[in-house]
Protein backbone atom coordinates (compact mmCIF):
# COMPACT_ATOMS: atom_id res chain seq x y z
CA UNK A 1 -18.62 16.42 1.84
CA UNK A 2 -15.91 16.18 4.19
CA UNK A 3 -13.86 12.84 4.94
CA UNK A 4 -11.38 11.85 7.85
CA UNK A 5 -8.92 9.31 6.67
CA UNK A 6 -7.51 7.71 10.17
CA UNK A 7 -4.06 6.13 9.15
CA UNK A 8 -0.80 4.71 10.91
CA UNK A 9 2.84 5.30 10.89
CA UNK A 10 3.77 6.02 7.05
CA UNK A 11 6.99 3.75 7.82
CA UNK A 12 5.04 0.72 8.34
CA UNK A 13 1.45 0.60 7.78
CA UNK A 14 0.86 -0.77 4.05
CA UNK A 15 -3.11 -1.19 4.65
CA UNK A 16 -3.11 2.69 5.32
CA UNK A 17 -1.25 3.80 2.46
CA UNK A 18 -3.70 2.30 -0.21
CA UNK A 19 -6.81 4.33 0.65
CA UNK A 20 -4.58 7.50 1.21
CA UNK A 21 -2.74 6.74 -2.11
CA UNK A 22 -6.01 6.50 -3.94
CA UNK A 23 -7.55 9.42 -2.30
CA UNK A 24 -4.52 11.57 -2.98
CA UNK A 25 -4.15 10.56 -6.85
CA UNK A 26 -7.94 11.16 -7.48
CA UNK A 27 -7.76 14.26 -5.63
CA UNK A 28 -10.69 13.47 -3.42
CA UNK A 29 -10.49 15.89 -0.10
CA UNK A 30 -10.09 14.16 3.07
CA UNK A 31 -8.54 15.31 6.41
CA UNK A 32 -5.42 13.33 7.51
CA UNK A 33 -5.25 12.17 10.91
CA UNK A 34 -2.41 9.51 11.94
CA UNK A 35 -2.68 7.69 14.88
CA UNK A 36 0.51 5.72 15.22
CA UNK A 37 1.38 2.24 16.15
CA UNK A 38 2.66 2.80 19.94
CA UNK A 39 2.45 -0.44 21.47
CA UNK A 40 2.69 -4.46 20.96
CA UNK A 41 -1.30 -4.39 20.70
CA UNK A 42 -3.24 -0.90 19.67
CA UNK A 43 -6.59 -2.70 19.55
CA UNK A 44 -8.00 -1.14 22.49
CA UNK A 45 -6.78 2.22 21.39
CA UNK A 46 -7.84 1.98 17.83
CA UNK A 47 -11.52 0.46 19.05
CA UNK A 48 -12.32 4.40 19.74
CA UNK A 49 -12.76 5.08 16.31
CA UNK A 50 -12.07 1.59 14.54
CA UNK A 51 -14.91 -1.68 15.03
CA UNK A 52 -11.97 -3.99 14.50
CA UNK A 53 -9.09 -2.08 16.37
CA UNK A 54 -7.22 -1.58 12.89
CA UNK A 55 -6.53 1.09 10.56
CA UNK A 56 -7.28 2.54 8.02
CA UNK A 57 -10.59 4.14 8.95
CA UNK A 58 -12.96 6.51 6.64
CA UNK A 59 -15.07 8.66 8.61
CA UNK A 60 -17.81 10.24 6.70
CA UNK A 61 -20.19 12.41 8.87
CA UNK A 62 -21.96 9.86 11.44
CA UNK A 63 -20.87 6.92 9.01
CA UNK A 64 -17.62 5.04 9.89
CA UNK A 65 -16.24 2.64 6.97
CA UNK A 66 -13.21 0.50 7.52
CA UNK A 67 -10.86 -1.98 5.72
CA UNK A 68 -8.93 -0.71 2.53
CA UNK A 69 -10.86 -2.60 0.22
CA UNK A 70 -14.43 -1.43 2.06
CA UNK A 71 -13.32 1.92 1.81
CA UNK A 72 -12.10 1.96 -1.70
CA UNK A 73 -15.69 0.27 -2.33
CA UNK A 74 -17.33 2.95 -0.73
CA UNK A 75 -15.45 5.63 -2.45
CA UNK A 76 -16.00 4.05 -6.04
CA UNK A 77 -19.84 4.47 -5.62
CA UNK A 78 -19.41 8.33 -5.15
CA UNK A 79 -16.54 9.13 -7.28
CA UNK A 80 -15.25 8.82 -10.58
CA UNK A 81 -12.08 7.10 -11.30
CA UNK A 82 -11.58 4.84 -8.56
CA UNK A 83 -12.29 1.49 -11.27
CA UNK A 84 -11.11 1.68 -14.94
CA UNK A 85 -13.48 3.04 -17.25
CA UNK A 86 -13.00 0.13 -20.05
CA UNK A 87 -15.18 -2.86 -18.88
CA UNK A 88 -12.51 -5.59 -19.40
CA UNK A 89 -9.98 -3.25 -17.77
CA UNK A 90 -12.02 -2.86 -14.98
CA UNK A 91 -12.58 -6.92 -14.40
CA UNK A 92 -9.09 -7.28 -14.32
CA UNK A 93 -8.50 -4.85 -11.69
CA UNK A 94 -11.39 -5.90 -9.63
CA UNK A 95 -9.66 -9.20 -9.64
CA UNK A 96 -6.12 -7.82 -9.07
CA UNK A 97 -7.33 -5.81 -5.74
CA UNK A 98 -9.06 -8.83 -4.83
CA UNK A 99 -5.94 -10.96 -5.18
CA UNK A 100 -4.21 -8.46 -3.37
CA UNK A 101 -6.33 -8.04 -0.40
CA UNK A 102 -6.48 -11.91 0.07
CA UNK A 103 -3.35 -13.04 -0.85
CA UNK A 104 0.61 -12.49 -0.96
CA UNK A 105 1.18 -13.64 2.69
CA UNK A 106 4.59 -14.80 2.18
CA UNK A 107 5.35 -11.09 0.63
CA UNK A 108 3.99 -9.65 3.88
CA UNK A 109 5.67 -11.85 6.17
CA UNK A 110 9.02 -11.95 4.62
CA UNK A 111 9.11 -8.70 3.10
CA UNK A 112 7.32 -6.12 5.74
CA UNK A 113 6.90 -2.81 5.02
CA UNK A 114 9.43 -0.19 6.10
CA UNK A 115 9.77 2.60 3.63
CA UNK A 116 12.94 4.50 5.03
CA UNK A 117 15.53 1.17 4.90
CA UNK A 118 16.93 -0.67 2.29
CA UNK A 119 17.24 -4.30 3.35
CA UNK A 120 19.52 -7.27 1.67
CA UNK A 121 16.69 -9.68 2.28
CA UNK A 122 17.59 -13.40 4.02
CA UNK A 123 17.55 -16.44 1.41
CA UNK A 124 13.77 -16.44 -0.27
CA UNK A 125 11.64 -19.02 0.46
CA UNK A 126 9.55 -21.19 -2.19
CA UNK A 127 6.47 -19.38 -1.06
CA UNK A 128 8.16 -15.67 -1.21
CA UNK A 129 9.63 -16.77 -4.81
CA UNK A 130 5.92 -17.86 -5.81
CA UNK A 131 4.64 -14.46 -4.43
CA UNK A 132 7.15 -12.19 -6.44
CA UNK A 133 6.90 -14.36 -9.83
CA UNK A 134 2.84 -13.98 -9.65
CA UNK A 135 3.10 -10.18 -8.86
CA UNK A 136 5.48 -9.42 -12.04
CA UNK A 137 3.27 -11.82 -13.85
CA UNK A 138 0.04 -9.92 -12.97
CA UNK A 139 1.65 -6.31 -13.25
CA UNK A 140 3.18 -7.66 -16.90
CA UNK A 141 -0.33 -8.54 -17.71
CA UNK A 142 -2.15 -5.35 -16.63
CA UNK A 143 0.57 -3.08 -18.57
CA UNK A 144 0.61 -5.23 -21.84
CA UNK A 145 -3.62 -5.72 -22.09
CA UNK A 146 -4.45 -2.24 -21.14
CA UNK A 147 -1.60 -0.28 -22.71
CA UNK A 148 -0.06 1.56 -19.46
CA UNK A 149 1.41 3.26 -17.89
CA UNK A 150 -0.83 2.53 -15.21
CA UNK A 151 -1.74 -1.25 -14.32
CA UNK A 152 -5.31 -1.36 -15.97
CA UNK A 153 -4.76 1.71 -18.54
CA UNK A 154 -3.99 5.30 -18.94
CA UNK A 155 -5.18 6.48 -15.67
CA UNK A 156 -4.31 5.57 -12.44
CA UNK A 157 -7.22 3.82 -10.41
CA UNK A 158 -7.60 1.83 -7.20
CA UNK A 159 -5.28 -1.27 -8.26
CA UNK A 160 -2.25 0.82 -8.72
CA UNK A 161 -3.54 1.93 -5.14
CA UNK A 162 -3.49 -1.50 -3.67
CA UNK A 163 -0.27 -2.00 -5.22
CA UNK A 164 1.52 1.14 -3.94
CA UNK A 165 2.67 -0.76 -0.96
CA UNK A 166 4.45 -3.32 -2.97
CA UNK A 167 6.41 -0.65 -4.83
CA UNK A 168 7.72 0.45 -1.71
CA UNK A 169 8.58 -3.41 -1.00
CA UNK A 170 10.37 -4.13 -4.20
CA UNK A 171 12.53 -0.97 -3.57
CA UNK A 172 13.47 -1.65 0.15
CA UNK A 173 14.69 -5.45 -0.76
CA UNK A 174 15.59 -5.03 -4.24
CA UNK A 175 13.03 -7.50 -5.72
CA UNK A 176 13.28 -8.76 -9.28
CA UNK A 177 9.58 -7.94 -11.01
CA UNK A 178 10.95 -7.44 -14.31
CA UNK A 179 11.33 -4.69 -16.36
CA UNK A 180 7.83 -4.17 -17.22
CA UNK A 181 6.84 -4.37 -13.42
CA UNK A 182 10.25 -2.04 -12.48
CA UNK A 183 8.94 0.63 -14.91
CA UNK A 184 5.56 0.81 -12.65
CA UNK A 185 7.62 0.75 -9.61
CA UNK A 186 9.72 3.70 -10.80
CA UNK A 187 6.29 5.51 -11.88
CA UNK A 188 4.20 4.90 -8.80
CA UNK A 189 7.46 5.72 -6.48
CA UNK A 190 7.72 8.96 -8.38
CA UNK A 191 4.13 10.00 -8.23
CA UNK A 192 3.53 13.18 -5.93
CA UNK A 193 1.79 11.68 -3.57
CA UNK A 194 4.05 8.55 -2.61
CA UNK A 195 6.96 11.41 -2.74
CA UNK A 196 4.79 13.17 -0.11
CA UNK A 197 3.95 9.88 1.74
CA UNK A 198 8.12 9.04 1.70
CA UNK A 199 8.66 12.23 2.74
CA UNK A 200 6.61 11.66 5.96
CA UNK A 201 7.94 8.54 6.75
CA UNK A 202 11.59 9.54 7.05
CA UNK A 203 10.57 12.46 8.88
CA UNK A 204 8.75 9.91 11.84
CA UNK A 205 10.43 9.74 14.89
CA UNK A 206 8.34 6.80 16.05
CA UNK A 207 9.70 3.30 16.55
CA UNK A 208 7.46 0.48 17.41
CA UNK A 209 9.16 -2.54 18.79
CA UNK A 210 6.92 -5.27 16.93
CA UNK A 211 7.33 -3.73 13.28
CA UNK A 212 11.38 -3.10 13.75
CA UNK A 213 11.59 -7.22 15.08
CA UNK A 214 9.75 -8.20 11.97
CA UNK A 215 11.87 -6.08 10.00
CA UNK A 216 15.26 -7.66 11.66
CA UNK A 217 13.94 -10.88 10.95
CA UNK A 218 13.30 -10.46 7.11
CA UNK A 219 17.08 -9.51 6.43
CA UNK A 220 20.06 -7.22 7.11
CA UNK A 221 19.30 -3.71 6.78
CA UNK A 222 22.06 -1.79 4.63
CA UNK A 223 21.18 1.78 4.79
CA UNK A 224 18.70 3.89 7.25
CA UNK A 225 17.24 7.06 5.87
CA UNK A 226 14.92 7.91 8.52
CA UNK A 227 15.10 10.59 11.46
CA UNK A 228 17.37 9.51 14.14
């Protein structure tokens, strides 16, 4: 079985990180193909390999699977360990993954992902404060109910992968997710796969105007560790 996972820029693409991190952490082999964001709209270029004109996209032989959640569900049918083994933990993880996939719009908009920088955020909107409080609550619940050190118990699962981009956002913007949440952030950022993603992000020379404008709107850059 040979998969190809198509993702975009390491600095920017939070959706790409989710299945990439999942497959790396669970030792699911794949060919790693990067299609960087190079224009205001990459839709037509990405339509060559993705029906939605977006990444991530998983190629399995003649079959194309798109969307980070679609890819996770596809892999769960074929590989052990994607979801927690415990029924209660699995039910919680499924709900948490769905909540991340469909929600937290203020966090996405006001704290855009950029791995290689540190930002003093602009004054937080009530919507952003609500999103951050909910994330702290959700992570704290998972860690308390299932014993940690991962969000749904002793093993890394898809729920950790789905919140991996949030861990980078917490660090970039200095967000307060509580002591338990911060311990999980520190743990996942220290994971070898996250370290690899970060190293590749810092080495990227690509800059895309739209993503950089989004970053500038989020606050003031206080440090930039990316390749010049």
